[in-house]
């Protein structure tokens, strides 16, 4: 697989992160633009506002959220372009997708990474 990794934006910056992309629709609380050390903020690959609000990070809704989000990733032109952009960036080296969710298992970043792996 291309060098694509996940990391919470609240985790310490590391030069080994490579190209750092925030993949949340909303800016994470308590993080300054300077401390984020982002190369890019790619809002378009995040779940729609409606889906994000519906899910509300409830683990019991995750399976349905995953189905709905994958449908968005496959059918929304902006999200498709965002995914293609991520793949393009991997040709230059490691890419780290940053997310703000507290839960490391039940979040959109996991679903996005799975979809990226599936497309390889």
Protein backbone atom coordinates (compact mmCIF):
# COMPACT_ATOMS: atom_id res chain seq x y z
CA UNK A 1 0.00 0.00 0.00
CA UNK A 2 1.00 3.55 -0.54
CA UNK A 3 2.48 5.23 2.51
CA UNK A 4 -0.76 6.53 4.02
CA UNK A 5 -1.08 6.64 7.79
CA UNK A 6 -3.60 7.89 10.36
CA UNK A 7 -2.84 10.02 13.37
CA UNK A 8 -4.82 12.12 15.83
CA UNK A 9 -4.07 15.78 15.34
CA UNK A 10 -3.56 16.01 19.10
CA UNK A 11 -0.59 13.62 18.94
CA UNK A 12 2.84 15.24 18.76
CA UNK A 13 4.20 16.35 15.40
CA UNK A 14 6.88 14.11 13.94
CA UNK A 15 8.99 14.86 10.87
CA UNK A 16 8.35 11.27 9.80
CA UNK A 17 4.67 12.16 9.28
CA UNK A 18 5.52 13.38 5.82
CA UNK A 19 2.75 15.39 4.15
CA UNK A 20 0.14 16.19 6.83
CA UNK A 21 -3.52 16.50 5.81
CA UNK A 22 -6.37 17.35 8.16
CA UNK A 23 -9.39 15.33 6.99
CA UNK A 24 -12.03 16.78 9.33
CA UNK A 25 -14.78 19.12 8.17
CA UNK A 26 -14.47 21.20 11.36
CA UNK A 27 -11.28 22.63 12.84
CA UNK A 28 -10.27 20.61 15.96
CA UNK A 29 -10.76 22.35 19.29
CA UNK A 30 -7.72 23.61 21.12
CA UNK A 31 -5.32 23.28 18.17
CA UNK A 32 -3.68 26.38 16.75
CA UNK A 33 -2.88 26.58 13.06
CA UNK A 34 0.82 26.80 13.97
CA UNK A 35 0.87 23.73 16.22
CA UNK A 36 -1.10 21.68 13.67
CA UNK A 37 1.79 21.94 11.21
CA UNK A 38 -0.53 21.09 8.35
CA UNK A 39 0.39 20.93 4.73
CA UNK A 40 -3.26 20.88 3.75
CA UNK A 41 -6.81 20.87 5.10
CA UNK A 42 -8.91 18.60 2.90
CA UNK A 43 -12.47 19.11 4.15
CA UNK A 44 -14.01 17.57 1.03
CA UNK A 45 -13.18 13.98 2.02
CA UNK A 46 -14.86 14.31 5.41
CA UNK A 47 -18.40 12.99 5.90
CA UNK A 48 -21.19 15.37 4.99
CA UNK A 49 -22.40 17.59 7.82
CA UNK A 50 -25.68 15.70 7.90
CA UNK A 51 -23.96 12.32 8.24
CA UNK A 52 -21.50 13.63 10.83
CA UNK A 53 -24.31 15.03 12.97
CA UNK A 54 -26.35 11.84 12.63
CA UNK A 55 -23.44 9.62 13.69
CA UNK A 56 -22.40 11.82 16.62
CA UNK A 57 -19.51 9.38 17.33
CA UNK A 58 -21.86 6.73 18.79
CA UNK A 59 -20.22 3.29 18.44
CA UNK A 60 -23.60 1.59 18.09
CA UNK A 61 -24.21 3.59 14.89
CA UNK A 62 -20.78 2.94 13.41
CA UNK A 63 -21.69 0.11 11.02
CA UNK A 64 -24.51 2.13 9.45
CA UNK A 65 -22.30 5.25 9.45
CA UNK A 66 -19.60 3.28 7.65
CA UNK A 67 -22.03 2.17 4.91
CA UNK A 68 -23.35 5.70 4.41
CA UNK A 69 -19.89 7.28 4.43
CA UNK A 70 -18.50 4.75 1.93
CA UNK A 71 -21.44 5.57 -0.33
CA UNK A 72 -20.52 9.25 -0.09
CA UNK A 73 -16.85 8.49 -0.79
CA UNK A 74 -17.77 6.55 -3.91
CA UNK A 75 -20.49 8.81 -5.30
CA UNK A 76 -19.70 12.38 -4.29
CA UNK A 77 -17.49 13.96 -6.96
CA UNK A 78 -15.65 16.24 -4.51
CA UNK A 79 -14.81 13.27 -2.28
CA UNK A 80 -13.66 11.21 -5.28
CA UNK A 81 -11.39 14.08 -6.35
CA UNK A 82 -10.07 14.37 -2.78
CA UNK A 83 -9.22 10.67 -2.70
CA UNK A 84 -7.47 10.94 -6.05
CA UNK A 85 -5.52 13.90 -4.70
CA UNK A 86 -4.38 11.85 -1.69
CA UNK A 87 -3.18 9.10 -4.02
CA UNK A 88 -1.30 11.67 -6.12
CA UNK A 89 0.46 12.95 -3.01
CA UNK A 90 1.70 9.47 -2.10
CA UNK A 91 3.90 9.50 -5.19
CA UNK A 92 6.04 12.07 -3.34
CA UNK A 93 6.30 10.04 -0.12
CA UNK A 94 4.49 9.41 3.11
CA UNK A 95 1.10 11.01 3.76
CA UNK A 96 -0.44 11.26 7.22
CA UNK A 97 -4.18 11.81 7.51
CA UNK A 98 -5.00 13.73 10.66
CA UNK A 99 -8.32 13.56 12.50
CA UNK A 100 -9.64 14.99 15.76
CA UNK A 101 -11.98 12.25 17.02
CA UNK A 102 -11.23 10.87 20.47
CA UNK A 103 -12.15 7.31 19.57
CA UNK A 104 -9.36 5.66 17.56
CA UNK A 105 -11.67 2.90 16.24
CA UNK A 106 -15.10 4.38 15.60
CA UNK A 107 -14.32 7.39 13.42
CA UNK A 108 -14.41 8.47 9.80
CA UNK A 109 -10.63 8.34 9.37
CA UNK A 110 -10.70 4.55 9.78
CA UNK A 111 -13.38 4.26 7.11
CA UNK A 112 -11.50 6.57 4.75
CA UNK A 113 -8.27 4.58 5.15
CA UNK A 114 -10.12 1.31 4.49
CA UNK A 115 -11.62 2.81 1.32
CA UNK A 116 -8.20 4.03 0.19
CA UNK A 117 -6.78 0.52 0.71
CA UNK A 118 -9.68 -1.02 -1.20
CA UNK A 119 -9.02 1.25 -4.18
CA UNK A 120 -5.36 0.29 -4.47
